[in-house]
Amino acid sequence: MTREGATQRNYTNYVAPDAMLRKVGLEPSDIDAVIITHTHSDHVDALDWYKNAKVYVQRECYRFTVEEGAEYAFFRRTGYPTRKDSLALFNLLWDNRLKLLDGDAELFPGLKVIRVDGHYPGLQLVVVRTKDKPIILASDAVHFYANLENDHPMGLYFGALRDLVKAFETIRQLNGIVVPGHDPEVMTHFKQIDKEVVRIHP
Protein backbone atom coordinates (compact mmCIF):
# COMPACT_ATOMS: atom_id res chain seq x y z
CA MET A 1 0.00 0.00 0.00
CA THR A 2 1.29 3.47 -0.81
CA ARG A 3 2.13 6.01 1.82
CA GLU A 4 -0.84 8.12 0.73
CA GLY A 5 -3.17 5.11 0.72
CA ALA A 6 -2.19 4.07 4.22
CA THR A 7 -2.78 7.58 5.50
CA GLN A 8 -6.12 7.92 3.76
CA ARG A 9 -7.24 4.63 5.27
CA ASN A 10 -6.48 5.83 8.79
CA TYR A 11 -7.80 9.41 8.71
CA THR A 12 -11.15 10.70 7.54
CA ASN A 13 -11.27 13.73 5.25
CA TYR A 14 -7.55 13.28 4.59
CA VAL A 15 -5.77 15.82 2.40
CA ALA A 16 -2.18 15.03 1.43
CA PRO A 17 0.46 17.49 2.69
CA ASP A 18 1.50 18.59 -0.80
CA ALA A 19 -2.09 19.44 -1.72
CA MET A 20 -2.61 21.30 1.55
CA LEU A 21 0.59 23.30 1.21
CA ARG A 22 -0.27 24.31 -2.35
CA LYS A 23 -3.36 26.03 -0.98
CA VAL A 24 -0.99 28.57 0.59
CA GLY A 25 1.54 28.65 -2.27
CA LEU A 26 4.10 26.20 -0.91
CA GLU A 27 5.55 22.79 -1.71
CA PRO A 28 6.90 20.21 0.77
CA SER A 29 10.40 20.99 -0.52
CA ASP A 30 9.99 24.59 0.69
CA ILE A 31 9.71 23.48 4.32
CA ASP A 32 13.06 23.58 6.12
CA ALA A 33 11.88 23.05 9.71
CA VAL A 34 9.25 20.77 11.25
CA ILE A 35 8.38 20.92 14.95
CA ILE A 36 6.94 17.72 16.38
CA THR A 37 4.76 18.45 19.40
CA HIS A 38 4.64 14.72 20.19
CA THR A 39 4.90 11.48 18.28
CA HIS A 40 1.42 10.03 18.13
CA SER A 41 0.95 8.87 14.55
CA ASP A 42 -1.58 11.54 13.64
CA HIS A 43 1.14 14.11 14.32
CA VAL A 44 4.14 12.45 12.64
CA ASP A 45 2.70 10.20 9.94
CA ALA A 46 3.65 12.60 7.13
CA LEU A 47 7.27 13.29 8.07
CA ASP A 48 8.61 11.59 4.96
CA TRP A 49 7.11 14.33 2.80
CA TYR A 50 9.61 16.88 4.12
CA LYS A 51 12.92 15.76 2.67
CA ASN A 52 14.69 19.11 3.24
CA ALA A 53 13.56 19.81 6.77
CA LYS A 54 15.28 19.65 10.12
CA VAL A 55 12.92 18.09 12.65
CA TYR A 56 12.68 19.30 16.26
CA VAL A 57 11.43 17.09 19.09
CA GLN A 58 11.96 16.82 22.82
CA ARG A 59 14.58 14.26 23.81
CA GLU A 60 12.14 12.65 26.26
CA CYS A 61 9.61 12.24 23.47
CA TYR A 62 12.23 10.59 21.28
CA ARG A 63 13.32 8.30 24.11
CA PHE A 64 9.80 7.19 24.88
CA THR A 65 8.95 6.60 21.23
CA VAL A 66 12.07 4.70 20.28
CA GLU A 67 12.81 2.88 23.55
CA GLU A 68 9.76 2.35 25.76
CA GLY A 69 7.39 2.12 22.82
CA ALA A 70 9.34 -0.88 21.59
CA GLU A 71 10.10 -2.31 25.04
CA TYR A 72 6.60 -2.86 26.39
CA ALA A 73 4.05 -5.17 24.84
CA PHE A 74 1.18 -2.80 25.67
CA PHE A 75 2.57 -0.06 23.45
CA ARG A 76 3.49 -2.48 20.67
CA ARG A 77 -0.03 -3.91 20.77
CA THR A 78 -1.89 -0.61 20.82
CA GLY A 79 0.33 1.17 18.32
CA TYR A 80 1.22 4.09 20.61
CA PRO A 81 3.74 4.61 19.11
CA THR A 82 3.98 2.51 15.95
CA ARG A 83 7.07 0.79 14.59
CA LYS A 84 6.93 3.21 11.64
CA ASP A 85 7.03 6.23 13.96
CA SER A 86 9.92 4.81 15.98
CA LEU A 87 11.96 4.02 12.88
CA ALA A 88 11.22 7.41 11.33
CA LEU A 89 12.72 9.22 14.33
CA PHE A 90 15.65 6.83 14.55
CA ASN A 91 16.46 7.30 10.87
CA LEU A 92 16.18 11.08 11.11
CA LEU A 93 18.68 11.05 13.96
CA TRP A 94 21.14 8.97 11.96
CA ASP A 95 20.67 11.30 8.98
CA ASN A 96 21.55 14.28 11.21
CA ARG A 97 18.15 15.85 10.59
CA LEU A 98 16.64 15.32 14.04
CA LYS A 99 17.31 17.98 16.67
CA LEU A 100 16.71 16.77 20.22
CA LEU A 101 15.57 19.42 22.68
CA ASP A 102 15.95 19.40 26.44
CA GLY A 103 13.10 21.54 27.66
CA ASP A 104 11.96 25.01 26.63
CA ALA A 105 13.83 26.61 23.74
CA GLU A 106 13.61 29.52 21.33
CA LEU A 107 14.13 27.81 18.00
CA PHE A 108 13.84 30.90 15.82
CA PRO A 109 13.35 34.60 16.56
CA GLY A 110 9.79 34.93 17.81
CA LEU A 111 9.12 31.19 17.94
CA LYS A 112 9.66 29.04 20.99
CA VAL A 113 8.63 25.67 22.34
CA ILE A 114 7.57 24.94 25.91
CA ARG A 115 7.70 21.40 27.25
CA VAL A 116 4.58 20.45 29.21
CA ASP A 117 4.34 16.61 29.09
CA GLY A 118 1.05 15.12 30.32
CA HIS A 119 -0.70 13.75 27.25
CA TYR A 120 2.64 12.34 26.05
CA PRO A 121 6.17 12.38 27.46
CA GLY A 122 7.96 15.39 26.03
CA LEU A 123 4.81 17.01 24.63
CA GLN A 124 5.62 20.61 23.72
CA LEU A 125 3.61 23.71 22.94
CA VAL A 126 4.65 25.97 20.08
CA VAL A 127 4.37 29.69 20.85
CA VAL A 128 4.63 32.30 18.11
CA ARG A 129 5.17 35.92 19.10
CA THR A 130 3.12 38.55 17.27
CA LYS A 131 2.71 42.29 17.74
CA ASP A 132 -0.55 41.43 19.50
CA LYS A 133 -1.10 38.33 21.63
CA PRO A 134 1.09 35.26 21.15
CA ILE A 135 -0.31 32.35 19.18
CA ILE A 136 -0.23 29.11 21.17
CA LEU A 137 -0.30 25.94 19.10
CA ALA A 138 -1.42 23.76 21.98
CA SER A 139 -1.48 20.48 20.07
CA ASP A 140 -2.80 17.74 22.36
CA ALA A 141 -2.20 19.64 25.57
CA VAL A 142 -5.68 20.91 24.65
CA HIS A 143 -7.71 18.61 22.43
CA PHE A 144 -10.78 20.85 22.36
CA TYR A 145 -11.53 24.41 23.44
CA ALA A 146 -13.88 22.93 26.04
CA ASN A 147 -10.97 21.17 27.77
CA LEU A 148 -9.41 24.50 28.65
CA GLU A 149 -12.63 26.44 29.15
CA ASN A 150 -14.06 23.85 31.56
CA ASP A 151 -10.73 22.91 33.14
CA HIS A 152 -11.37 19.33 32.05
CA PRO A 153 -8.28 17.40 30.85
CA MET A 154 -8.74 14.90 28.04
CA GLY A 155 -8.88 11.23 28.99
CA LEU A 156 -5.96 9.84 26.98
CA TYR A 157 -2.60 10.58 28.55
CA PHE A 158 0.69 8.76 28.89
CA GLY A 159 2.24 10.93 31.56
CA ALA A 160 0.94 12.35 34.83
CA LEU A 161 -2.47 13.97 35.22
CA ARG A 162 -0.84 16.80 37.16
CA ASP A 163 1.15 17.69 34.03
CA LEU A 164 -2.04 18.01 32.00
CA VAL A 165 -3.43 20.38 34.62
CA LYS A 166 -0.15 22.34 34.81
CA ALA A 167 -0.18 22.65 31.01
CA PHE A 168 -3.54 24.41 31.26
CA GLU A 169 -2.05 26.86 33.74
CA THR A 170 0.97 27.47 31.50
CA ILE A 171 -1.33 28.20 28.56
CA ARG A 172 -3.47 30.58 30.62
CA GLN A 173 -0.39 32.45 31.84
CA LEU A 174 0.75 32.95 28.26
CA ASN A 175 -2.55 34.80 27.66
CA GLY A 176 -2.50 34.18 23.95
CA ILE A 177 -4.59 32.91 21.05
CA VAL A 178 -5.01 29.18 21.65
CA VAL A 179 -5.21 26.67 18.81
CA PRO A 180 -6.23 23.23 20.15
CA GLY A 181 -5.07 20.04 18.52
CA HIS A 182 -8.32 18.37 17.44
CA ASP A 183 -11.22 20.79 17.65
CA PRO A 184 -13.29 21.30 14.47
CA GLU A 185 -14.29 24.67 15.91
CA VAL A 186 -10.85 25.97 14.91
CA MET A 187 -12.34 26.34 11.43
CA THR A 188 -14.92 28.82 12.75
CA HIS A 189 -12.70 30.66 15.24
CA PHE A 190 -10.48 32.14 12.55
CA LYS A 191 -10.80 33.62 9.07
CA GLN A 192 -11.39 30.81 6.60
CA ILE A 193 -9.44 31.20 3.36
CA ASP A 194 -10.15 27.74 1.96
CA LYS A 195 -12.30 24.75 2.86
CA GLU A 196 -9.43 23.25 4.89
CA VAL A 197 -7.39 26.39 5.68
CA VAL A 198 -7.82 29.25 8.15
CA ARG A 199 -5.69 32.32 8.80
CA ILE A 200 -4.84 32.39 12.50
CA HIS A 201 -3.23 35.82 12.45
CA PRO A 202 -3.36 38.72 9.99
C-alpha atoms as a PDB file:
ATOM      1  CA  MET A   1       0.000   0.000   0.000  1.00  0.00           C
ATOM      2  CA  THR A   2       1.286   3.468  -0.811  1.00  0.00           C
ATOM      3  CA  ARG A   3       2.131   6.009   1.817  1.00  0.00           C
ATOM      4  CA  GLU A   4      -0.835   8.118   0.725  1.00  0.00           C
ATOM      5  CA  GLY A   5      -3.168   5.106   0.716  1.00  0.00           C
ATOM      6  CA  ALA A   6      -2.188   4.074   4.222  1.00  0.00           C
ATOM      7  CA  THR A   7      -2.779   7.580   5.496  1.00  0.00           C
ATOM      8  CA  GLN A   8      -6.122   7.917   3.755  1.00  0.00           C
ATOM      9  CA  ARG A   9      -7.237   4.629   5.266  1.00  0.00           C
ATOM     10  CA  ASN A  10      -6.480   5.833   8.794  1.00  0.00           C
ATOM     11  CA  TYR A  11      -7.798   9.407   8.705  1.00  0.00           C
ATOM     12  CA  THR A  12     -11.151  10.696   7.543  1.00  0.00           C
ATOM     13  CA  ASN A  13     -11.270  13.735   5.247  1.00  0.00           C
ATOM     14  CA  TYR A  14      -7.552  13.278   4.591  1.00  0.00           C
ATOM     15  CA  VAL A  15      -5.771  15.823   2.403  1.00  0.00           C
ATOM     16  CA  ALA A  16      -2.176  15.032   1.425  1.00  0.00           C
ATOM     17  CA  PRO A  17       0.463  17.494   2.689  1.00  0.00           C
ATOM     18  CA  ASP A  18       1.505  18.590  -0.796  1.00  0.00           C
ATOM     19  CA  ALA A  19      -2.091  19.442  -1.718  1.00  0.00           C
ATOM     20  CA  MET A  20      -2.606  21.295   1.551  1.00  0.00           C
ATOM     21  CA  LEU A  21       0.592  23.304   1.208  1.00  0.00           C
ATOM     22  CA  ARG A  22      -0.274  24.312  -2.351  1.00  0.00           C
ATOM     23  CA  LYS A  23      -3.360  26.028  -0.980  1.00  0.00           C
ATOM     24  CA  VAL A  24      -0.987  28.567   0.585  1.00  0.00           C
ATOM     25  CA  GLY A  25       1.538  28.650  -2.269  1.00  0.00           C
ATOM     26  CA  LEU A  26       4.104  26.199  -0.908  1.00  0.00           C
ATOM     27  CA  GLU A  27       5.554  22.787  -1.708  1.00  0.00           C
ATOM     28  CA  PRO A  28       6.905  20.213   0.773  1.00  0.00           C
ATOM     29  CA  SER A  29      10.401  20.988  -0.518  1.00  0.00           C
ATOM     30  CA  ASP A  30       9.986  24.595   0.693  1.00  0.00           C
ATOM     31  CA  ILE A  31       9.705  23.480   4.318  1.00  0.00           C
ATOM     32  CA  ASP A  32      13.057  23.581   6.117  1.00  0.00           C
ATOM     33  CA  ALA A  33      11.884  23.048   9.712  1.00  0.00           C
ATOM     34  CA  VAL A  34       9.251  20.770  11.251  1.00  0.00           C
ATOM     35  CA  ILE A  35       8.378  20.921  14.949  1.00  0.00           C
ATOM     36  CA  ILE A  36       6.945  17.720  16.384  1.00  0.00           C
ATOM     37  CA  THR A  37       4.759  18.455  19.395  1.00  0.00           C
ATOM     38  CA  HIS A  38       4.644  14.716  20.193  1.00  0.00           C
ATOM     39  CA  THR A  39       4.897  11.480  18.284  1.00  0.00           C
ATOM     40  CA  HIS A  40       1.422  10.034  18.132  1.00  0.00           C
ATOM     41  CA  SER A  41       0.952   8.866  14.553  1.00  0.00           C
ATOM     42  CA  ASP A  42      -1.584  11.538  13.639  1.00  0.00           C
ATOM     43  CA  HIS A  43       1.145  14.110  14.323  1.00  0.00           C
ATOM     44  CA  VAL A  44       4.138  12.445  12.643  1.00  0.00           C
ATOM     45  CA  ASP A  45       2.699  10.200   9.943  1.00  0.00           C
ATOM     46  CA  ALA A  46       3.654  12.603   7.127  1.00  0.00           C
ATOM     47  CA  LEU A  47       7.272  13.294   8.072  1.00  0.00           C
ATOM     48  CA  ASP A  48       8.614  11.586   4.963  1.00  0.00           C
ATOM     49  CA  TRP A  49       7.112  14.328   2.801  1.00  0.00           C
ATOM     50  CA  TYR A  50       9.612  16.882   4.124  1.00  0.00           C
ATOM     51  CA  LYS A  51      12.920  15.761   2.671  1.00  0.00           C
ATOM     52  CA  ASN A  52      14.689  19.114   3.236  1.00  0.00           C
ATOM     53  CA  ALA A  53      13.559  19.806   6.774  1.00  0.00           C
ATOM     54  CA  LYS A  54      15.280  19.648  10.119  1.00  0.00           C
ATOM     55  CA  VAL A  55      12.917  18.093  12.652  1.00  0.00           C
ATOM     56  CA  TYR A  56      12.684  19.301  16.259  1.00  0.00           C
ATOM     57  CA  VAL A  57      11.428  17.093  19.094  1.00  0.00           C
ATOM     58  CA  GLN A  58      11.962  16.819  22.823  1.00  0.00           C
ATOM     59  CA  ARG A  59      14.580  14.255  23.815  1.00  0.00           C
ATOM     60  CA  GLU A  60      12.140  12.654  26.265  1.00  0.00           C
ATOM     61  CA  CYS A  61       9.608  12.237  23.473  1.00  0.00           C
ATOM     62  CA  TYR A  62      12.235  10.586  21.282  1.00  0.00           C
ATOM     63  CA  ARG A  63      13.322   8.297  24.114  1.00  0.00           C
ATOM     64  CA  PHE A  64       9.798   7.190  24.879  1.00  0.00           C
ATOM     65  CA  THR A  65       8.947   6.605  21.228  1.00  0.00           C
ATOM     66  CA  VAL A  66      12.074   4.699  20.280  1.00  0.00           C
ATOM     67  CA  GLU A  67      12.810   2.877  23.547  1.00  0.00           C
ATOM     68  CA  GLU A  68       9.761   2.355  25.761  1.00  0.00           C
ATOM     69  CA  GLY A  69       7.392   2.120  22.823  1.00  0.00           C
ATOM     70  CA  ALA A  70       9.338  -0.884  21.593  1.00  0.00           C
ATOM     71  CA  GLU A  71      10.105  -2.309  25.035  1.00  0.00           C
ATOM     72  CA  TYR A  72       6.605  -2.860  26.393  1.00  0.00           C
ATOM     73  CA  ALA A  73       4.053  -5.171  24.836  1.00  0.00           C
ATOM     74  CA  PHE A  74       1.185  -2.801  25.670  1.00  0.00           C
ATOM     75  CA  PHE A  75       2.573  -0.058  23.447  1.00  0.00           C
ATOM     76  CA  ARG A  76       3.486  -2.481  20.674  1.00  0.00           C
ATOM     77  CA  ARG A  77      -0.030  -3.914  20.770  1.00  0.00           C
ATOM     78  CA  THR A  78      -1.893  -0.613  20.819  1.00  0.00           C
ATOM     79  CA  GLY A  79       0.333   1.170  18.315  1.00  0.00           C
ATOM     80  CA  TYR A  80       1.220   4.086  20.609  1.00  0.00           C
ATOM     81  CA  PRO A  81       3.740   4.613  19.108  1.00  0.00           C
ATOM     82  CA  THR A  82       3.981   2.509  15.954  1.00  0.00           C
ATOM     83  CA  ARG A  83       7.067   0.790  14.587  1.00  0.00           C
ATOM     84  CA  LYS A  84       6.931   3.208  11.640  1.00  0.00           C
ATOM     85  CA  ASP A  85       7.030   6.227  13.961  1.00  0.00           C
ATOM     86  CA  SER A  86       9.925   4.811  15.982  1.00  0.00           C
ATOM     87  CA  LEU A  87      11.957   4.022  12.880  1.00  0.00           C
ATOM     88  CA  ALA A  88      11.218   7.410  11.334  1.00  0.00           C
ATOM     89  CA  LEU A  89      12.721   9.220  14.329  1.00  0.00           C
ATOM     90  CA  PHE A  90      15.654   6.832  14.545  1.00  0.00           C
ATOM     91  CA  ASN A  91      16.461   7.296  10.869  1.00  0.00           C
ATOM     92  CA  LEU A  92      16.179  11.075  11.106  1.00  0.00           C
ATOM     93  CA  LEU A  93      18.681  11.050  13.956  1.00  0.00           C
ATOM     94  CA  TRP A  94      21.144   8.967  11.955  1.00  0.00           C
ATOM     95  CA  ASP A  95      20.675  11.299   8.979  1.00  0.00           C
ATOM     96  CA  ASN A  96      21.554  14.282  11.205  1.00  0.00           C
ATOM     97  CA  ARG A  97      18.154  15.851  10.592  1.00  0.00           C
ATOM     98  CA  LEU A  98      16.641  15.319  14.043  1.00  0.00           C
ATOM     99  CA  LYS A  99      17.306  17.981  16.670  1.00  0.00           C
ATOM    100  CA  LEU A 100      16.706  16.765  20.219  1.00  0.00           C
ATOM    101  CA  LEU A 101      15.567  19.422  22.677  1.00  0.00           C
ATOM    102  CA  ASP A 102      15.949  19.400  26.443  1.00  0.00           C
ATOM    103  CA  GLY A 103      13.097  21.543  27.664  1.00  0.00           C
ATOM    104  CA  ASP A 104      11.964  25.014  26.634  1.00  0.00           C
ATOM    105  CA  ALA A 105      13.835  26.609  23.743  1.00  0.00           C
ATOM    106  CA  GLU A 106      13.608  29.525  21.331  1.00  0.00           C
ATOM    107  CA  LEU A 107      14.134  27.806  17.996  1.00  0.00           C
ATOM    108  CA  PHE A 108      13.845  30.903  15.818  1.00  0.00           C
ATOM    109  CA  PRO A 109      13.353  34.597  16.562  1.00  0.00           C
ATOM    110  CA  GLY A 110       9.790  34.929  17.814  1.00  0.00           C
ATOM    111  CA  LEU A 111       9.123  31.194  17.937  1.00  0.00           C
ATOM    112  CA  LYS A 112       9.660  29.044  20.985  1.00  0.00           C
ATOM    113  CA  VAL A 113       8.628  25.672  22.345  1.00  0.00           C
ATOM    114  CA  ILE A 114       7.571  24.944  25.913  1.00  0.00           C
ATOM    115  CA  ARG A 115       7.700  21.403  27.253  1.00  0.00           C
ATOM    116  CA  VAL A 116       4.585  20.453  29.211  1.00  0.00           C
ATOM    117  CA  ASP A 117       4.341  16.612  29.091  1.00  0.00           C
ATOM    118  CA  GLY A 118       1.048  15.118  30.323  1.00  0.00           C
ATOM    119  CA  HIS A 119      -0.695  13.748  27.255  1.00  0.00           C
ATOM    120  CA  TYR A 120       2.636  12.338  26.049  1.00  0.00           C
ATOM    121  CA  PRO A 121       6.170  12.377  27.463  1.00  0.00           C
ATOM    122  CA  GLY A 122       7.964  15.388  26.025  1.00  0.00           C
ATOM    123  CA  LEU A 123       4.814  17.012  24.630  1.00  0.00           C
ATOM    124  CA  GLN A 124       5.624  20.609  23.718  1.00  0.00           C
ATOM    125  CA  LEU A 125       3.609  23.710  22.937  1.00  0.00           C
ATOM    126  CA  VAL A 126       4.650  25.974  20.079  1.00  0.00           C
ATOM    127  CA  VAL A 127       4.370  29.688  20.851  1.00  0.00           C
ATOM    128  CA  VAL A 128       4.632  32.303  18.105  1.00  0.00           C
ATOM    129  CA  ARG A 129       5.172  35.917  19.098  1.00  0.00           C
ATOM    130  CA  THR A 130       3.122  38.546  17.275  1.00  0.00           C
ATOM    131  CA  LYS A 131       2.714  42.291  17.739  1.00  0.00           C
ATOM    132  CA  ASP A 132      -0.549  41.432  19.502  1.00  0.00           C
ATOM    133  CA  LYS A 133      -1.099  38.335  21.625  1.00  0.00           C
ATOM    134  CA  PRO A 134       1.091  35.261  21.151  1.00  0.00           C
ATOM    135  CA  ILE A 135      -0.307  32.352  19.175  1.00  0.00           C
ATOM    136  CA  ILE A 136      -0.232  29.107  21.171  1.00  0.00           C
ATOM    137  CA  LEU A 137      -0.302  25.944  19.099  1.00  0.00           C
ATOM    138  CA  ALA A 138      -1.422  23.762  21.975  1.00  0.00           C
ATOM    139  CA  SER A 139      -1.476  20.477  20.068  1.00  0.00           C
ATOM    140  CA  ASP A 140      -2.795  17.743  22.360  1.00  0.00           C
ATOM    141  CA  ALA A 141      -2.197  19.642  25.573  1.00  0.00           C
ATOM    142  CA  VAL A 142      -5.684  20.911  24.654  1.00  0.00           C
ATOM    143  CA  HIS A 143      -7.707  18.606  22.426  1.00  0.00           C
ATOM    144  CA  PHE A 144     -10.780  20.850  22.359  1.00  0.00           C
ATOM    145  CA  TYR A 145     -11.527  24.413  23.436  1.00  0.00           C
ATOM    146  CA  ALA A 146     -13.876  22.933  26.042  1.00  0.00           C
ATOM    147  CA  ASN A 147     -10.969  21.167  27.770  1.00  0.00           C
ATOM    148  CA  LEU A 148      -9.406  24.497  28.651  1.00  0.00           C
ATOM    149  CA  GLU A 149     -12.634  26.436  29.149  1.00  0.00           C
ATOM    150  CA  ASN A 150     -14.060  23.853  31.564  1.00  0.00           C
ATOM    151  CA  ASP A 151     -10.728  22.907  33.140  1.00  0.00           C
ATOM    152  CA  HIS A 152     -11.374  19.331  32.055  1.00  0.00           C
ATOM    153  CA  PRO A 153      -8.283  17.396  30.847  1.00  0.00           C
ATOM    154  CA  MET A 154      -8.743  14.900  28.037  1.00  0.00           C
ATOM    155  CA  GLY A 155      -8.881  11.229  28.985  1.00  0.00           C
ATOM    156  CA  LEU A 156      -5.959   9.838  26.982  1.00  0.00           C
ATOM    157  CA  TYR A 157      -2.603  10.584  28.553  1.00  0.00           C
ATOM    158  CA  PHE A 158       0.691   8.758  28.886  1.00  0.00           C
ATOM    159  CA  GLY A 159       2.236  10.935  31.564  1.00  0.00           C
ATOM    160  CA  ALA A 160       0.942  12.352  34.828  1.00  0.00           C
ATOM    161  CA  LEU A 161      -2.470  13.972  35.220  1.00  0.00           C
ATOM    162  CA  ARG A 162      -0.838  16.798  37.162  1.00  0.00           C
ATOM    163  CA  ASP A 163       1.147  17.693  34.033  1.00  0.00           C
ATOM    164  CA  LEU A 164      -2.044  18.011  31.998  1.00  0.00           C
ATOM    165  CA  VAL A 165      -3.425  20.377  34.624  1.00  0.00           C
ATOM    166  CA  LYS A 166      -0.151  22.341  34.810  1.00  0.00           C
ATOM    167  CA  ALA A 167      -0.176  22.647  31.007  1.00  0.00           C
ATOM    168  CA  PHE A 168      -3.544  24.406  31.263  1.00  0.00           C
ATOM    169  CA  GLU A 169      -2.054  26.859  33.735  1.00  0.00           C
ATOM    170  CA  THR A 170       0.966  27.471  31.504  1.00  0.00           C
ATOM    171  CA  ILE A 171      -1.330  28.198  28.564  1.00  0.00           C
ATOM    172  CA  ARG A 172      -3.466  30.583  30.619  1.00  0.00           C
ATOM    173  CA  GLN A 173      -0.394  32.451  31.836  1.00  0.00           C
ATOM    174  CA  LEU A 174       0.754  32.952  28.262  1.00  0.00           C
ATOM    175  CA  ASN A 175      -2.546  34.805  27.664  1.00  0.00           C
ATOM    176  CA  GLY A 176      -2.504  34.177  23.950  1.00  0.00           C
ATOM    177  CA  ILE A 177      -4.591  32.908  21.055  1.00  0.00           C
ATOM    178  CA  VAL A 178      -5.009  29.179  21.647  1.00  0.00           C
ATOM    179  CA  VAL A 179      -5.212  26.672  18.809  1.00  0.00           C
ATOM    180  CA  PRO A 180      -6.228  23.230  20.155  1.00  0.00           C
ATOM    181  CA  GLY A 181      -5.072  20.038  18.518  1.00  0.00           C
ATOM    182  CA  HIS A 182      -8.322  18.370  17.445  1.00  0.00           C
ATOM    183  CA  ASP A 183     -11.216  20.793  17.651  1.00  0.00           C
ATOM    184  CA  PRO A 184     -13.288  21.302  14.471  1.00  0.00           C
ATOM    185  CA  GLU A 185     -14.289  24.673  15.908  1.00  0.00           C
ATOM    186  CA  VAL A 186     -10.850  25.970  14.905  1.00  0.00           C
ATOM    187  CA  MET A 187     -12.342  26.345  11.434  1.00  0.00           C
ATOM    188  CA  THR A 188     -14.917  28.819  12.749  1.00  0.00           C
ATOM    189  CA  HIS A 189     -12.695  30.664  15.243  1.00  0.00           C
ATOM    190  CA  PHE A 190     -10.476  32.144  12.548  1.00  0.00           C
ATOM    191  CA  LYS A 191     -10.795  33.624   9.069  1.00  0.00           C
ATOM    192  CA  GLN A 192     -11.389  30.812   6.601  1.00  0.00           C
ATOM    193  CA  ILE A 193      -9.438  31.200   3.358  1.00  0.00           C
ATOM    194  CA  ASP A 194     -10.148  27.736   1.959  1.00  0.00           C
ATOM    195  CA  LYS A 195     -12.300  24.748   2.855  1.00  0.00           C
ATOM    196  CA  GLU A 196      -9.431  23.247   4.894  1.00  0.00           C
ATOM    197  CA  VAL A 197      -7.391  26.394   5.677  1.00  0.00           C
ATOM    198  CA  VAL A 198      -7.822  29.246   8.152  1.00  0.00           C
ATOM    199  CA  ARG A 199      -5.690  32.317   8.804  1.00  0.00           C
ATOM    200  CA  ILE A 200      -4.841  32.391  12.504  1.00  0.00           C
ATOM    201  CA  HIS A 201      -3.230  35.823  12.451  1.00  0.00           C
ATOM    202  CA  PRO A 202      -3.356  38.721   9.989  1.00  0.00           C
END
